[in-house]
């Protein structure tokens, strides 16, 4: 059951899918229609899930579920992964590569492979103050307050010198 993202409670569970490239305007429209359709049929053992999505920076798709309405199950998570894989195939992009790291350079969003990110740290192109995207956050509240943070406040800190 689709609801607007802003209407979900702060403790809603989120999954962040980072694209290996920016979405085009047409792709954003396509993703939006597909995501709303998916959420409207998303269930947990036959029970509706109350969910939503948001797209950030034309590069991040965030799925969210109000678990105070109904908890997700392994099967419902599996169906969301199938949905994401379907988007990947239809749009020829990668949303699931956890080895891609994104960070801000002024207002630009950079996506690099983990070894390149580590090299940027060594070369001081990325510092503890560089804004990174912590795609490991799992609640709406953390997404809104701890997703875009300095590297020193994220799991990325383990790579800092």
Foldseek 3Di string as FASTA:
>chain_A
DEDEPVPADQQWWKAKFFKPDAADPVLVVVCQVLQRVCQVPQDAVPHHWYWYWDDPPSTMIMITTRCVRPNHDPVSVVVVVVSVVVSCVVVVIGRPPPQWWWWDDPNDIDIDGVVVVLVCLVVVVAAQFTWTAASPDTTNNCNVPPGTGRCVSHPNVVSHD
